[in-house]
Amino acid sequence: GRTGMLQRSVLKKSIAQHFEELDFDLPLNL
């Protein structure tokens, strides 16, 4: 974001949606 910090929550949501679209069920914290 503007602060240069990693927007972790935004990215986590985006990747979770990506996995769902790929029919790939996997916890992201493993």
Full PDB file with SEQRES, HELIX, SHEET, SSBOND, CRYST1, ORIGX, SCALE, CONECT and MASTER records, all heavy atoms in Angstrom:
SEQRES   1 A   30  GLY ARG THR GLY MET LEU GLN ARG SER VAL LEU LYS LYS          
SEQRES   2 A   30  SER ILE ALA GLN HIS PHE GLU GLU LEU ASP PHE ASP LEU          
SEQRES   3 A   30  PRO LEU ASN LEU                                              
HELIX    1 AA1 ARG A    8  GLU A   21  1                                  14    
CRYST1    1.000    1.000    1.000  90.00  90.00  90.00 P 1           1          
ORIGX1      1.000000  0.000000  0.000000        0.00000                         
ORIGX2      0.000000  1.000000  0.000000        0.00000                         
ORIGX3      0.000000  0.000000  1.000000        0.00000                         
SCALE1      1.000000  0.000000  0.000000        0.00000                         
SCALE2      0.000000  1.000000  0.000000        0.00000                         
SCALE3      0.000000  0.000000  1.000000        0.00000                         
ATOM      1  N   GLY A   1       0.818  -1.205   0.000  1.00  0.00           N  
ATOM      2  CA  GLY A   1       0.000   0.000   0.000  1.00  0.00           C  
ATOM      3  C   GLY A   1       0.855   1.259   0.000  1.00  0.00           C  
ATOM      4  O   GLY A   1       2.040   1.232  -0.304  1.00  0.00           O  
ATOM      5  N   ARG A   2       0.254   2.381   0.389  1.00  0.00           N  
ATOM      6  CA  ARG A   2       0.955   3.665   0.372  1.00  0.00           C  
ATOM      7  C   ARG A   2       2.140   3.669   1.320  1.00  0.00           C  
ATOM      8  O   ARG A   2       3.136   4.360   1.096  1.00  0.00           O  
ATOM      9  CB  ARG A   2      -0.010   4.783   0.775  1.00  0.00           C  
ATOM     10  CG  ARG A   2      -1.153   4.990  -0.205  1.00  0.00           C  
ATOM     11  CD  ARG A   2      -2.089   6.063   0.304  1.00  0.00           C  
ATOM     12  NE  ARG A   2      -3.260   6.202  -0.546  1.00  0.00           N  
ATOM     13  CZ  ARG A   2      -4.278   7.002  -0.263  1.00  0.00           C  
ATOM     14  NH1 ARG A   2      -4.241   7.745   0.852  1.00  0.00           N  
ATOM     15  NH2 ARG A   2      -5.312   7.078  -1.069  1.00  0.00           N  
ATOM     16  N   THR A   3       2.043   2.903   2.410  1.00  0.00           N  
ATOM     17  CA  THR A   3       3.122   2.886   3.404  1.00  0.00           C  
ATOM     18  C   THR A   3       4.277   1.994   2.978  1.00  0.00           C  
ATOM     19  O   THR A   3       5.321   1.981   3.624  1.00  0.00           O  
ATOM     20  CB  THR A   3       2.592   2.369   4.748  1.00  0.00           C  
ATOM     21  OG1 THR A   3       2.124   1.022   4.584  1.00  0.00           O  
ATOM     22  CG2 THR A   3       1.458   3.245   5.251  1.00  0.00           C  
ATOM     23  N   GLY A   4       4.091   1.259   1.907  1.00  0.00           N  
ATOM     24  CA  GLY A   4       5.127   0.311   1.502  1.00  0.00           C  
ATOM     25  C   GLY A   4       5.065  -0.993   2.253  1.00  0.00           C  
ATOM     26  O   GLY A   4       5.894  -1.874   2.048  1.00  0.00           O  
ATOM     27  N   MET A   5       4.084  -1.130   3.141  1.00  0.00           N  
ATOM     28  CA  MET A   5       3.922  -2.361   3.924  1.00  0.00           C  
ATOM     29  C   MET A   5       3.114  -3.387   3.136  1.00  0.00           C  
ATOM     30  O   MET A   5       2.269  -3.049   2.309  1.00  0.00           O  
ATOM     31  CB  MET A   5       3.216  -2.058   5.248  1.00  0.00           C  
ATOM     32  CG  MET A   5       3.965  -1.057   6.138  1.00  0.00           C  
ATOM     33  SD  MET A   5       5.550  -1.707   6.708  1.00  0.00           S  
ATOM     34  CE  MET A   5       4.946  -2.925   7.895  1.00  0.00           C  
ATOM     35  N   LEU A   6       3.369  -4.629   3.426  1.00  0.00           N  
ATOM     36  CA  LEU A   6       2.678  -5.730   2.765  1.00  0.00           C  
ATOM     37  C   LEU A   6       1.204  -5.733   3.158  1.00  0.00           C  
ATOM     38  O   LEU A   6       0.872  -5.728   4.338  1.00  0.00           O  
ATOM     39  CB  LEU A   6       3.322  -7.065   3.175  1.00  0.00           C  
ATOM     40  CG  LEU A   6       2.839  -8.321   2.469  1.00  0.00           C  
ATOM     41  CD1 LEU A   6       3.274  -8.288   1.013  1.00  0.00           C  
ATOM     42  CD2 LEU A   6       3.425  -9.555   3.152  1.00  0.00           C  
ATOM     43  N   GLN A   7       0.305  -5.705   2.173  1.00  0.00           N  
ATOM     44  CA  GLN A   7      -1.137  -5.759   2.435  1.00  0.00           C  
ATOM     45  C   GLN A   7      -1.579  -7.212   2.535  1.00  0.00           C  
ATOM     46  O   GLN A   7      -2.188  -7.782   1.638  1.00  0.00           O  
ATOM     47  CB  GLN A   7      -1.879  -5.032   1.311  1.00  0.00           C  
ATOM     48  CG  GLN A   7      -1.607  -3.535   1.281  1.00  0.00           C  
ATOM     49  CD  GLN A   7      -2.396  -2.857   0.190  1.00  0.00           C  
ATOM     50  OE1 GLN A   7      -2.133  -3.060  -0.979  1.00  0.00           O  
ATOM     51  NE2 GLN A   7      -3.381  -2.065   0.585  1.00  0.00           N  
ATOM     52  N   ARG A   8      -1.236  -7.812   3.684  1.00  0.00           N  
ATOM     53  CA  ARG A   8      -1.384  -9.251   3.852  1.00  0.00           C  
ATOM     54  C   ARG A   8      -2.837  -9.708   3.761  1.00  0.00           C  
ATOM     55  O   ARG A   8      -3.149 -10.721   3.137  1.00  0.00           O  
ATOM     56  CB  ARG A   8      -0.775  -9.670   5.192  1.00  0.00           C  
ATOM     57  CG  ARG A   8      -0.531 -11.158   5.303  1.00  0.00           C  
ATOM     58  CD  ARG A   8       0.275 -11.477   6.562  1.00  0.00           C  
ATOM     59  NE  ARG A   8       0.589 -12.887   6.605  1.00  0.00           N  
ATOM     60  CZ  ARG A   8       1.613 -13.447   5.961  1.00  0.00           C  
ATOM     61  NH1 ARG A   8       2.398 -12.686   5.217  1.00  0.00           N  
ATOM     62  NH2 ARG A   8       1.827 -14.736   6.044  1.00  0.00           N  
ATOM     63  N   SER A   9      -3.736  -8.984   4.384  1.00  0.00           N  
ATOM     64  CA  SER A   9      -5.139  -9.404   4.399  1.00  0.00           C  
ATOM     65  C   SER A   9      -5.741  -9.365   2.992  1.00  0.00           C  
ATOM     66  O   SER A   9      -6.501 -10.261   2.610  1.00  0.00           O  
ATOM     67  CB  SER A   9      -5.946  -8.516   5.341  1.00  0.00           C  
ATOM     68  OG  SER A   9      -5.885  -7.154   4.929  1.00  0.00           O  
ATOM     69  N   VAL A  10      -5.362  -8.345   2.217  1.00  0.00           N  
ATOM     70  CA  VAL A  10      -5.862  -8.226   0.847  1.00  0.00           C  
ATOM     71  C   VAL A  10      -5.341  -9.380   0.008  1.00  0.00           C  
ATOM     72  O   VAL A  10      -6.077 -10.018  -0.763  1.00  0.00           O  
ATOM     73  CB  VAL A  10      -5.443  -6.878   0.229  1.00  0.00           C  
ATOM     74  CG1 VAL A  10      -5.839  -6.818  -1.244  1.00  0.00           C  
ATOM     75  CG2 VAL A  10      -6.061  -5.720   1.001  1.00  0.00           C  
ATOM     76  N   LEU A  11      -4.048  -9.669   0.168  1.00  0.00           N  
ATOM     77  CA  LEU A  11      -3.427 -10.724  -0.617  1.00  0.00           C  
ATOM     78  C   LEU A  11      -3.965 -12.106  -0.228  1.00  0.00           C  
ATOM     79  O   LEU A  11      -4.173 -12.960  -1.082  1.00  0.00           O  
ATOM     80  CB  LEU A  11      -1.909 -10.681  -0.420  1.00  0.00           C  
ATOM     81  CG  LEU A  11      -1.221  -9.460  -1.048  1.00  0.00           C  
ATOM     82  CD1 LEU A  11       0.193  -9.313  -0.533  1.00  0.00           C  
ATOM     83  CD2 LEU A  11      -1.208  -9.593  -2.568  1.00  0.00           C  
ATOM     84  N   LYS A  12      -4.171 -12.292   1.062  1.00  0.00           N  
ATOM     85  CA  LYS A  12      -4.691 -13.584   1.514  1.00  0.00           C  
ATOM     86  C   LYS A  12      -6.067 -13.846   0.914  1.00  0.00           C  
ATOM     87  O   LYS A  12      -6.359 -14.959   0.456  1.00  0.00           O  
ATOM     88  CB  LYS A  12      -4.764 -13.616   3.046  1.00  0.00           C  
ATOM     89  CG  LYS A  12      -5.193 -14.965   3.606  1.00  0.00           C  
ATOM     90  CD  LYS A  12      -5.123 -14.977   5.117  1.00  0.00           C  
ATOM     91  CE  LYS A  12      -5.506 -16.358   5.655  1.00  0.00           C  
ATOM     92  NZ  LYS A  12      -5.436 -16.380   7.146  1.00  0.00           N  
ATOM     93  N   LYS A  13      -6.900 -12.826   0.886  1.00  0.00           N  
ATOM     94  CA  LYS A  13      -8.229 -12.968   0.299  1.00  0.00           C  
ATOM     95  C   LYS A  13      -8.140 -13.249  -1.192  1.00  0.00           C  
ATOM     96  O   LYS A  13      -8.864 -14.098  -1.727  1.00  0.00           O  
ATOM     97  CB  LYS A  13      -9.027 -11.679   0.546  1.00  0.00           C  
ATOM     98  CG  LYS A  13     -10.463 -11.743   0.065  1.00  0.00           C  
ATOM     99  CD  LYS A  13     -11.199 -10.450   0.411  1.00  0.00           C  
ATOM    100  CE  LYS A  13     -12.639 -10.509  -0.096  1.00  0.00           C  
ATOM    101  NZ  LYS A  13     -13.368  -9.243   0.228  1.00  0.00           N  
ATOM    102  N   SER A  14      -7.220 -12.562  -1.865  1.00  0.00           N  
ATOM    103  CA  SER A  14      -7.058 -12.744  -3.314  1.00  0.00           C  
ATOM    104  C   SER A  14      -6.593 -14.166  -3.640  1.00  0.00           C  
ATOM    105  O   SER A  14      -7.103 -14.807  -4.564  1.00  0.00           O  
ATOM    106  CB  SER A  14      -6.053 -11.719  -3.845  1.00  0.00           C  
ATOM    107  OG  SER A  14      -5.727 -11.983  -5.190  1.00  0.00           O  
ATOM    108  N   ILE A  15      -5.636 -14.678  -2.868  1.00  0.00           N  
ATOM    109  CA  ILE A  15      -5.093 -16.012  -3.132  1.00  0.00           C  
ATOM    110  C   ILE A  15      -6.113 -17.090  -2.768  1.00  0.00           C  
ATOM    111  O   ILE A  15      -6.241 -18.104  -3.466  1.00  0.00           O  
ATOM    112  CB  ILE A  15      -3.766 -16.218  -2.375  1.00  0.00           C  
ATOM    113  CG1 ILE A  15      -2.698 -15.325  -3.015  1.00  0.00           C  
ATOM    114  CG2 ILE A  15      -3.334 -17.681  -2.391  1.00  0.00           C  
ATOM    115  CD1 ILE A  15      -1.400 -15.246  -2.260  1.00  0.00           C  
ATOM    116  N   ALA A  16      -6.857 -16.872  -1.689  1.00  0.00           N  
ATOM    117  CA  ALA A  16      -7.908 -17.824  -1.322  1.00  0.00           C  
ATOM    118  C   ALA A  16      -8.942 -17.932  -2.440  1.00  0.00           C  
ATOM    119  O   ALA A  16      -9.409 -19.038  -2.778  1.00  0.00           O  
ATOM    120  CB  ALA A  16      -8.565 -17.393  -0.014  1.00  0.00           C  
ATOM    121  N   GLN A  17      -9.302 -16.795  -3.027  1.00  0.00           N  
ATOM    122  CA  GLN A  17     -10.248 -16.789  -4.143  1.00  0.00           C  
ATOM    123  C   GLN A  17      -9.648 -17.497  -5.357  1.00  0.00           C  
ATOM    124  O   GLN A  17     -10.336 -18.247  -6.061  1.00  0.00           O  
ATOM    125  CB  GLN A  17     -10.622 -15.356  -4.510  1.00  0.00           C  
ATOM    126  CG  GLN A  17     -11.656 -15.259  -5.630  1.00  0.00           C  
ATOM    127  CD  GLN A  17     -12.034 -13.823  -5.955  1.00  0.00           C  
ATOM    128  OE1 GLN A  17     -11.686 -12.897  -5.219  1.00  0.00           O  
ATOM    129  NE2 GLN A  17     -12.742 -13.626  -7.052  1.00  0.00           N  
ATOM    130  N   HIS A  18      -8.349 -17.276  -5.586  1.00  0.00           N  
ATOM    131  CA  HIS A  18      -7.654 -17.935  -6.702  1.00  0.00           C  
ATOM    132  C   HIS A  18      -7.679 -19.451  -6.538  1.00  0.00           C  
ATOM    133  O   HIS A  18      -7.979 -20.192  -7.478  1.00  0.00           O  
ATOM    134  CB  HIS A  18      -6.213 -17.420  -6.765  1.00  0.00           C  
ATOM    135  CG  HIS A  18      -5.363 -18.089  -7.797  1.00  0.00           C  
ATOM    136  ND1 HIS A  18      -5.615 -18.020  -9.151  1.00  0.00           N  
ATOM    137  CD2 HIS A  18      -4.234 -18.860  -7.668  1.00  0.00           C  
ATOM    138  CE1 HIS A  18      -4.698 -18.701  -9.807  1.00  0.00           C  
ATOM    139  NE2 HIS A  18      -3.850 -19.226  -8.935  1.00  0.00           N  
ATOM    140  N   PHE A  19      -7.396 -19.931  -5.322  1.00  0.00           N  
ATOM    141  CA  PHE A  19      -7.426 -21.368  -5.053  1.00  0.00           C  
ATOM    142  C   PHE A  19      -8.830 -21.929  -5.258  1.00  0.00           C  
ATOM    143  O   PHE A  19      -8.995 -23.036  -5.782  1.00  0.00           O  
ATOM    144  CB  PHE A  19      -6.954 -21.640  -3.624  1.00  0.00           C  
ATOM    145  CG  PHE A  19      -5.448 -21.753  -3.483  1.00  0.00           C  
ATOM    146  CD1 PHE A  19      -4.603 -21.100  -4.360  1.00  0.00           C  
ATOM    147  CD2 PHE A  19      -4.885 -22.504  -2.475  1.00  0.00           C  
ATOM    148  CE1 PHE A  19      -3.227 -21.205  -4.236  1.00  0.00           C  
ATOM    149  CE2 PHE A  19      -3.518 -22.622  -2.345  1.00  0.00           C  
ATOM    150  CZ  PHE A  19      -2.676 -21.950  -3.218  1.00  0.00           C  
ATOM    151  N   GLU A  20      -9.820 -21.159  -4.853  1.00  0.00           N  
ATOM    152  CA  GLU A  20     -11.206 -21.610  -5.021  1.00  0.00           C  
ATOM    153  C   GLU A  20     -11.552 -21.733  -6.502  1.00  0.00           C  
ATOM    154  O   GLU A  20     -12.188 -22.700  -6.924  1.00  0.00           O  
ATOM    155  CB  GLU A  20     -12.157 -20.631  -4.332  1.00  0.00           C  
ATOM    156  CG  GLU A  20     -13.608 -21.076  -4.345  1.00  0.00           C  
ATOM    157  CD  GLU A  20     -14.513 -20.121  -3.585  1.00  0.00           C  
ATOM    158  OE1 GLU A  20     -13.998 -19.259  -2.837  1.00  0.00           O  
ATOM    159  OE2 GLU A  20     -15.743 -20.223  -3.747  1.00  0.00           O  
ATOM    160  N   GLU A  21     -11.099 -20.771  -7.309  1.00  0.00           N  
ATOM    161  CA  GLU A  21     -11.354 -20.817  -8.752  1.00  0.00           C  
ATOM    162  C   GLU A  21     -10.654 -22.008  -9.405  1.00  0.00           C  
ATOM    163  O   GLU A  21     -11.140 -22.578 -10.386  1.00  0.00           O  
ATOM    164  CB  GLU A  21     -10.881 -19.518  -9.406  1.00  0.00           C  
ATOM    165  CG  GLU A  21     -11.737 -18.305  -9.037  1.00  0.00           C  
ATOM    166  CD  GLU A  21     -11.124 -17.003  -9.500  1.00  0.00           C  
ATOM    167  OE1 GLU A  21      -9.967 -17.028 -10.006  1.00  0.00           O  
ATOM    168  OE2 GLU A  21     -11.772 -15.939  -9.357  1.00  0.00           O  
ATOM    169  N   LEU A  22      -9.506 -22.418  -8.828  1.00  0.00           N  
ATOM    170  CA  LEU A  22      -8.763 -23.561  -9.357  1.00  0.00           C  
ATOM    171  C   LEU A  22      -9.245 -24.887  -8.766  1.00  0.00           C  
ATOM    172  O   LEU A  22      -8.698 -25.946  -9.106  1.00  0.00           O  
ATOM    173  CB  LEU A  22      -7.267 -23.407  -9.069  1.00  0.00           C  
ATOM    174  CG  LEU A  22      -6.518 -22.255  -9.743  1.00  0.00           C  
ATOM    175  CD1 LEU A  22      -5.042 -22.308  -9.396  1.00  0.00           C  
ATOM    176  CD2 LEU A  22      -6.714 -22.277 -11.245  1.00  0.00           C  
ATOM    177  N   ASP A  23     -10.260 -24.829  -7.889  1.00  0.00           N  
ATOM    178  CA  ASP A  23     -10.740 -26.028  -7.201  1.00  0.00           C  
ATOM    179  C   ASP A  23      -9.596 -26.703  -6.452  1.00  0.00           C  
ATOM    180  O   ASP A  23      -9.398 -27.910  -6.522  1.00  0.00           O  
ATOM    181  CB  ASP A  23     -11.372 -27.010  -8.208  1.00  0.00           C  
ATOM    182  CG  ASP A  23     -12.164 -28.121  -7.515  1.00  0.00           C  
ATOM    183  OD1 ASP A  23     -12.578 -27.917  -6.369  1.00  0.00           O  
ATOM    184  OD2 ASP A  23     -12.344 -29.190  -8.124  1.00  0.00           O  
ATOM    185  N   PHE A  24      -8.866 -25.899  -5.708  1.00  0.00           N  
ATOM    186  CA  PHE A  24      -7.681 -26.346  -4.973  1.00  0.00           C  
ATOM    187  C   PHE A  24      -7.901 -25.992  -3.508  1.00  0.00           C  
ATOM    188  O   PHE A  24      -7.694 -24.857  -3.091  1.00  0.00           O  
ATOM    189  CB  PHE A  24      -6.447 -25.661  -5.548  1.00  0.00           C  
ATOM    190  CG  PHE A  24      -5.135 -26.153  -5.000  1.00  0.00           C  
ATOM    191  CD1 PHE A  24      -5.006 -27.400  -4.410  1.00  0.00           C  
ATOM    192  CD2 PHE A  24      -3.995 -25.357  -5.099  1.00  0.00           C  
ATOM    193  CE1 PHE A  24      -3.787 -27.842  -3.920  1.00  0.00           C  
ATOM    194  CE2 PHE A  24      -2.775 -25.792  -4.624  1.00  0.00           C  
ATOM    195  CZ  PHE A  24      -2.677 -27.036  -4.030  1.00  0.00           C  
ATOM    196  N   ASP A  25      -8.322 -26.966  -2.725  1.00  0.00           N  
ATOM    197  CA  ASP A  25      -8.674 -26.743  -1.325  1.00  0.00           C  
ATOM    198  C   ASP A  25      -7.454 -27.004  -0.450  1.00  0.00           C  
ATOM    199  O   ASP A  25      -7.076 -28.158  -0.224  1.00  0.00           O  
ATOM    200  CB  ASP A  25      -9.832 -27.664  -0.927  1.00  0.00           C  
ATOM    201  CG  ASP A  25     -10.331 -27.379   0.490  1.00  0.00           C  
ATOM    202  OD1 ASP A  25      -9.974 -26.317   1.036  1.00  0.00           O  
ATOM    203  OD2 ASP A  25     -11.062 -28.216   1.045  1.00  0.00           O  
ATOM    204  N   LEU A  26      -6.831 -25.934   0.054  1.00  0.00           N  
ATOM    205  CA  LEU A  26      -5.612 -26.079   0.847  1.00  0.00           C  
ATOM    206  C   LEU A  26      -5.490 -24.908   1.820  1.00  0.00           C  
ATOM    207  O   LEU A  26      -5.538 -23.754   1.405  1.00  0.00           O  
ATOM    208  CB  LEU A  26      -4.393 -26.110  -0.089  1.00  0.00           C  
ATOM    209  CG  LEU A  26      -3.038 -26.354   0.553  1.00  0.00           C  
ATOM    210  CD1 LEU A  26      -2.950 -27.776   1.103  1.00  0.00           C  
ATOM    211  CD2 LEU A  26      -1.919 -26.106  -0.451  1.00  0.00           C  
ATOM    212  N   PRO A  27      -5.323 -25.185   3.125  1.00  0.00           N  
ATOM    213  CA  PRO A  27      -5.126 -24.095   4.095  1.00  0.00           C  
ATOM    214  C   PRO A  27      -3.868 -23.302   3.769  1.00  0.00           C  
ATOM    215  O   PRO A  27      -2.804 -23.884   3.518  1.00  0.00           O  
ATOM    216  CB  PRO A  27      -4.985 -24.842   5.435  1.00  0.00           C  
ATOM    217  CG  PRO A  27      -5.654 -26.162   5.221  1.00  0.00           C  
ATOM    218  CD  PRO A  27      -5.403 -26.500   3.780  1.00  0.00           C  
ATOM    219  N   LEU A  28      -3.974 -21.987   3.792  1.00  0.00           N  
ATOM    220  CA  LEU A  28      -2.869 -21.135   3.375  1.00  0.00           C  
ATOM    221  C   LEU A  28      -1.793 -20.996   4.443  1.00  0.00           C  
ATOM    222  O   LEU A  28      -0.689 -20.523   4.154  1.00  0.00           O  
ATOM    223  CB  LEU A  28      -3.395 -19.743   3.006  1.00  0.00           C  
ATOM    224  CG  LEU A  28      -4.373 -19.681   1.825  1.00  0.00           C  
ATOM    225  CD1 LEU A  28      -4.805 -18.250   1.570  1.00  0.00           C  
ATOM    226  CD2 LEU A  28      -3.751 -20.281   0.569  1.00  0.00           C  
ATOM    227  N   ASN A  29      -2.083 -21.412   5.681  1.00  0.00           N  
ATOM    228  CA  ASN A  29      -1.107 -21.228   6.759  1.00  0.00           C  
ATOM    229  C   ASN A  29      -0.180 -22.430   6.942  1.00  0.00           C  
ATOM    230  O   ASN A  29       0.712 -22.413   7.786  1.00  0.00           O  
ATOM    231  CB  ASN A  29      -1.827 -20.933   8.081  1.00  0.00           C  
ATOM    232  CG  ASN A  29      -2.750 -22.072   8.503  1.00  0.00           C  
ATOM    233  OD1 ASN A  29      -3.123 -22.917   7.686  1.00  0.00           O  
ATOM    234  ND2 ASN A  29      -3.113 -22.085   9.770  1.00  0.00           N  
ATOM    235  N   LEU A  30      -0.365 -23.492   6.170  1.00  0.00           N  
ATOM    236  CA  LEU A  30       0.471 -24.687   6.320  1.00  0.00           C  
ATOM    237  C   LEU A  30       1.874 -24.446   5.788  1.00  0.00           C  
ATOM    238  O   LEU A  30       2.049 -23.870   4.706  1.00  0.00           O  
ATOM    239  CB  LEU A  30      -0.147 -25.862   5.555  1.00  0.00           C  
ATOM    240  CG  LEU A  30      -1.414 -26.495   6.132  1.00  0.00           C  
ATOM    241  CD1 LEU A  30      -1.902 -27.591   5.180  1.00  0.00           C  
ATOM    242  CD2 LEU A  30      -1.135 -27.091   7.509  1.00  0.00           C  
TER     243      LEU A  30                                                      
MASTER        0    0    0    1    0    0    0    6  242    1    0    3          
END                                                                             
